Amino acid sequence: MAVVLTAIIAVIALAGAPNFHAKQAQTGDASNGSSTIDHPLDIAAVFDCAGGNRINATFHVGEIVTSTQPDQPPLPTGSVVLQLSDGRNMTLAQTISADGGRYASADGSIVFWVKGSTAMFTQNDKAIFTNCTAILPGASY
């Protein structure tokens, strides 16, 4: 179990999203060596949070787009689909983050942060889901 969690944390650090269920779909013409990734990587994760709350998240890792501004970081194009235990469902766009993965609504009022195996959900700068820890599907603790 410790080896699996260590591997998950390593993937999170590199991709900004948990690697519990990943799938890759590739298409293209093998004869000329070209290929495109339709959905580069979909990653599903479940987070248990304080107060008995839970977040189901499906991360869609998009392409990295080079910024048109010199000396600016690349622009992420990924997103996350959230199912919250309070009944809300939403899709948030990935935004630039110095550390971990940050996903936000267009107006920035809703933010979902992922760092390592932890996450947090805020709305209007107020923490709504806190102390969220990624769990392995089917695992009992």
C-alpha atoms as a PDB file:
ATOM      1  CA  MET A   1       0.000   0.000   0.000  1.00  0.00           C
ATOM      2  CA  ALA A   2       2.820   2.423   0.843  1.00  0.00           C
ATOM      3  CA  VAL A   3       4.447   1.816  -2.549  1.00  0.00           C
ATOM      4  CA  VAL A   4       1.162   2.540  -4.351  1.00  0.00           C
ATOM      5  CA  LEU A   5       0.603   5.768  -2.402  1.00  0.00           C
ATOM      6  CA  THR A   6       4.195   6.863  -3.054  1.00  0.00           C
ATOM      7  CA  ALA A   7       3.693   6.308  -6.783  1.00  0.00           C
ATOM      8  CA  ILE A   8       0.425   8.267  -6.712  1.00  0.00           C
ATOM      9  CA  ILE A   9       2.055  11.180  -4.916  1.00  0.00           C
ATOM     10  CA  ALA A  10       4.870  11.233  -7.502  1.00  0.00           C
ATOM     11  CA  VAL A  11       2.347  11.455 -10.352  1.00  0.00           C
ATOM     12  CA  ILE A  12       0.430  14.179  -8.534  1.00  0.00           C
ATOM     13  CA  ALA A  13       3.594  16.204  -8.157  1.00  0.00           C
ATOM     14  CA  LEU A  14       4.323  15.924 -11.876  1.00  0.00           C
ATOM     15  CA  ALA A  15       0.825  16.312 -13.291  1.00  0.00           C
ATOM     16  CA  GLY A  16      -1.030  18.234 -10.593  1.00  0.00           C
ATOM     17  CA  ALA A  17      -3.715  15.537 -10.433  1.00  0.00           C
ATOM     18  CA  PRO A  18      -4.120  12.131  -8.757  1.00  0.00           C
ATOM     19  CA  ASN A  19      -3.440   9.036 -10.881  1.00  0.00           C
ATOM     20  CA  PHE A  20      -6.071   6.619  -9.603  1.00  0.00           C
ATOM     21  CA  HIS A  21      -7.702   5.761 -12.899  1.00  0.00           C
ATOM     22  CA  ALA A  22      -5.978   6.899 -16.034  1.00  0.00           C
ATOM     23  CA  LYS A  23      -6.770   6.124 -19.623  1.00  0.00           C
ATOM     24  CA  GLN A  24      -5.206   7.293 -22.831  1.00  0.00           C
ATOM     25  CA  ALA A  25      -6.765   7.287 -26.287  1.00  0.00           C
ATOM     26  CA  GLN A  26      -4.442   7.682 -29.222  1.00  0.00           C
ATOM     27  CA  THR A  27      -5.337   7.983 -32.888  1.00  0.00           C
ATOM     28  CA  GLY A  28      -3.369   8.606 -36.015  1.00  0.00           C
ATOM     29  CA  ASP A  29      -1.597   7.061 -38.960  1.00  0.00           C
ATOM     30  CA  ALA A  30       1.099   4.694 -37.763  1.00  0.00           C
ATOM     31  CA  SER A  31       2.512   4.413 -41.302  1.00  0.00           C
ATOM     32  CA  ASN A  32       3.777   7.980 -41.287  1.00  0.00           C
ATOM     33  CA  GLY A  33       4.478   8.180 -37.561  1.00  0.00           C
ATOM     34  CA  SER A  34       1.842  10.823 -36.894  1.00  0.00           C
ATOM     35  CA  SER A  35      -0.603  10.591 -34.059  1.00  0.00           C
ATOM     36  CA  THR A  36      -2.793  12.837 -32.002  1.00  0.00           C
ATOM     37  CA  ILE A  37      -4.104  12.327 -28.513  1.00  0.00           C
ATOM     38  CA  ASP A  38      -7.894  12.715 -28.398  1.00  0.00           C
ATOM     39  CA  HIS A  39      -8.092  12.777 -24.616  1.00  0.00           C
ATOM     40  CA  PRO A  40      -4.487  12.807 -23.438  1.00  0.00           C
ATOM     41  CA  LEU A  41      -5.199  11.652 -19.938  1.00  0.00           C
ATOM     42  CA  ASP A  42      -8.354  11.391 -17.877  1.00  0.00           C
ATOM     43  CA  ILE A  43      -7.700  10.868 -14.199  1.00  0.00           C
ATOM     44  CA  ALA A  44     -10.425  10.025 -11.692  1.00  0.00           C
ATOM     45  CA  ALA A  45      -9.930  10.555  -7.973  1.00  0.00           C
ATOM     46  CA  VAL A  46     -11.989  10.561  -4.798  1.00  0.00           C
ATOM     47  CA  PHE A  47     -11.216  12.879  -1.883  1.00  0.00           C
ATOM     48  CA  ASP A  48     -12.511  12.391   1.659  1.00  0.00           C
ATOM     49  CA  CYS A  49     -12.825  15.753   3.416  1.00  0.00           C
ATOM     50  CA  ALA A  50     -13.454  17.080   6.912  1.00  0.00           C
ATOM     51  CA  GLY A  51     -17.007  16.829   8.190  1.00  0.00           C
ATOM     52  CA  GLY A  52     -17.768  13.661   6.218  1.00  0.00           C
ATOM     53  CA  ASN A  53     -17.721  15.508   2.902  1.00  0.00           C
ATOM     54  CA  ARG A  54     -16.471  13.933  -0.315  1.00  0.00           C
ATOM     55  CA  ILE A  55     -15.323  15.188  -3.711  1.00  0.00           C
ATOM     56  CA  ASN A  56     -15.313  13.014  -6.828  1.00  0.00           C
ATOM     57  CA  ALA A  57     -13.014  14.559  -9.419  1.00  0.00           C
ATOM     58  CA  THR A  58     -12.255  13.684 -13.015  1.00  0.00           C
ATOM     59  CA  PHE A  59      -9.249  15.540 -14.330  1.00  0.00           C
ATOM     60  CA  HIS A  60      -8.881  16.166 -18.057  1.00  0.00           C
ATOM     61  CA  VAL A  61      -5.244  16.978 -18.737  1.00  0.00           C
ATOM     62  CA  GLY A  62      -5.078  19.229 -21.772  1.00  0.00           C
ATOM     63  CA  GLU A  63      -2.253  20.408 -23.939  1.00  0.00           C
ATOM     64  CA  ILE A  64       0.269  22.911 -22.701  1.00  0.00           C
ATOM     65  CA  VAL A  65       0.095  26.046 -24.829  1.00  0.00           C
ATOM     66  CA  THR A  66       3.101  28.327 -25.073  1.00  0.00           C
ATOM     67  CA  SER A  67       2.347  31.845 -23.880  1.00  0.00           C
ATOM     68  CA  THR A  68       2.439  34.609 -26.465  1.00  0.00           C
ATOM     69  CA  GLN A  69       4.069  36.845 -23.857  1.00  0.00           C
ATOM     70  CA  PRO A  70       7.849  36.536 -23.428  1.00  0.00           C
ATOM     71  CA  ASP A  71       9.063  35.133 -20.112  1.00  0.00           C
ATOM     72  CA  GLN A  72       5.565  33.914 -19.155  1.00  0.00           C
ATOM     73  CA  PRO A  73       4.746  30.349 -18.120  1.00  0.00           C
ATOM     74  CA  PRO A  74       2.921  27.990 -20.484  1.00  0.00           C
ATOM     75  CA  LEU A  75      -0.878  28.141 -20.377  1.00  0.00           C
ATOM     76  CA  PRO A  76      -2.736  25.055 -19.131  1.00  0.00           C
ATOM     77  CA  THR A  77      -5.833  23.897 -21.022  1.00  0.00           C
ATOM     78  CA  GLY A  78      -7.002  21.116 -18.702  1.00  0.00           C
ATOM     79  CA  SER A  79     -10.157  20.976 -16.621  1.00  0.00           C
ATOM     80  CA  VAL A  80     -11.741  19.085 -13.760  1.00  0.00           C
ATOM     81  CA  VAL A  81     -15.295  17.820 -13.409  1.00  0.00           C
ATOM     82  CA  LEU A  82     -16.374  17.837  -9.760  1.00  0.00           C
ATOM     83  CA  GLN A  83     -19.201  16.019  -8.024  1.00  0.00           C
ATOM     84  CA  LEU A  84     -19.518  17.384  -4.494  1.00  0.00           C
ATOM     85  CA  SER A  85     -21.229  15.540  -1.670  1.00  0.00           C
ATOM     86  CA  ASP A  86     -23.499  18.577  -1.171  1.00  0.00           C
ATOM     87  CA  GLY A  87     -25.102  17.733  -4.543  1.00  0.00           C
ATOM     88  CA  ARG A  88     -23.346  20.266  -6.751  1.00  0.00           C
ATOM     89  CA  ASN A  89     -21.684  19.287 -10.027  1.00  0.00           C
ATOM     90  CA  MET A  90     -19.407  21.589 -11.998  1.00  0.00           C
ATOM     91  CA  THR A  91     -16.561  21.820 -14.460  1.00  0.00           C
ATOM     92  CA  LEU A  92     -13.647  24.130 -13.693  1.00  0.00           C
ATOM     93  CA  ALA A  93     -10.828  25.201 -16.020  1.00  0.00           C
ATOM     94  CA  GLN A  94      -7.212  24.631 -15.047  1.00  0.00           C
ATOM     95  CA  THR A  95      -5.346  27.857 -14.300  1.00  0.00           C
ATOM     96  CA  ILE A  96      -1.712  28.752 -13.821  1.00  0.00           C
ATOM     97  CA  SER A  97      -0.351  27.560 -10.498  1.00  0.00           C
ATOM     98  CA  ALA A  98       3.112  27.780  -9.009  1.00  0.00           C
ATOM     99  CA  ASP A  99       2.582  24.596  -7.020  1.00  0.00           C
ATOM    100  CA  GLY A 100       0.043  21.790  -7.447  1.00  0.00           C
ATOM    101  CA  GLY A 101      -3.049  22.019  -9.620  1.00  0.00           C
ATOM    102  CA  ARG A 102      -5.450  24.962  -9.515  1.00  0.00           C
ATOM    103  CA  TYR A 103      -8.880  24.900 -11.175  1.00  0.00           C
ATOM    104  CA  ALA A 104     -11.259  27.854 -11.088  1.00  0.00           C
ATOM    105  CA  SER A 105     -14.554  29.223 -12.375  1.00  0.00           C
ATOM    106  CA  ALA A 106     -14.369  31.957 -15.026  1.00  0.00           C
ATOM    107  CA  ASP A 107     -14.955  34.675 -12.426  1.00  0.00           C
ATOM    108  CA  GLY A 108     -12.554  33.087  -9.894  1.00  0.00           C
ATOM    109  CA  SER A 109     -15.236  32.762  -7.215  1.00  0.00           C
ATOM    110  CA  ILE A 110     -14.860  28.971  -7.063  1.00  0.00           C
ATOM    111  CA  VAL A 111     -11.425  27.370  -6.740  1.00  0.00           C
ATOM    112  CA  PHE A 112     -10.367  23.734  -6.410  1.00  0.00           C
ATOM    113  CA  TRP A 113      -6.728  23.205  -5.369  1.00  0.00           C
ATOM    114  CA  VAL A 114      -4.854  19.910  -5.515  1.00  0.00           C
ATOM    115  CA  LYS A 115      -1.378  19.481  -4.086  1.00  0.00           C
ATOM    116  CA  GLY A 116       0.134  16.090  -3.469  1.00  0.00           C
ATOM    117  CA  SER A 117      -2.642  13.861  -2.196  1.00  0.00           C
ATOM    118  CA  THR A 118      -4.597  16.734  -0.636  1.00  0.00           C
ATOM    119  CA  ALA A 119      -7.235  19.093  -1.978  1.00  0.00           C
ATOM    120  CA  MET A 120      -9.377  22.047  -0.945  1.00  0.00           C
ATOM    121  CA  PHE A 121     -12.530  23.623  -2.401  1.00  0.00           C
ATOM    122  CA  THR A 122     -13.275  27.308  -1.814  1.00  0.00           C
ATOM    123  CA  GLN A 123     -16.112  29.589  -2.819  1.00  0.00           C
ATOM    124  CA  ASN A 124     -15.900  33.380  -2.543  1.00  0.00           C
ATOM    125  CA  ASP A 125     -12.587  32.984  -0.679  1.00  0.00           C
ATOM    126  CA  LYS A 126     -14.253  30.812   1.978  1.00  0.00           C
ATOM    127  CA  ALA A 127     -13.072  27.222   2.519  1.00  0.00           C
ATOM    128  CA  ILE A 128     -16.082  24.944   1.919  1.00  0.00           C
ATOM    129  CA  PHE A 129     -14.417  21.500   1.692  1.00  0.00           C
ATOM    130  CA  THR A 130     -11.226  21.296   3.759  1.00  0.00           C
ATOM    131  CA  ASN A 131      -8.655  18.703   4.810  1.00  0.00           C
ATOM    132  CA  CYS A 132      -9.454  16.603   1.735  1.00  0.00           C
ATOM    133  CA  THR A 133      -7.282  13.543   1.229  1.00  0.00           C
ATOM    134  CA  ALA A 134      -7.220  11.369  -1.878  1.00  0.00           C
ATOM    135  CA  ILE A 135      -8.293   7.783  -1.293  1.00  0.00           C
ATOM    136  CA  LEU A 136      -7.812   4.691  -3.401  1.00  0.00           C
ATOM    137  CA  PRO A 137     -11.101   3.366  -4.802  1.00  0.00           C
ATOM    138  CA  GLY A 138     -12.149   0.250  -2.920  1.00  0.00           C
ATOM    139  CA  ALA A 139      -9.582   0.774  -0.172  1.00  0.00           C
ATOM    140  CA  SER A 140     -10.667   0.612   3.436  1.00  0.00           C
ATOM    141  CA  TYR A 141      -8.876   2.604   6.106  1.00  0.00           C
END
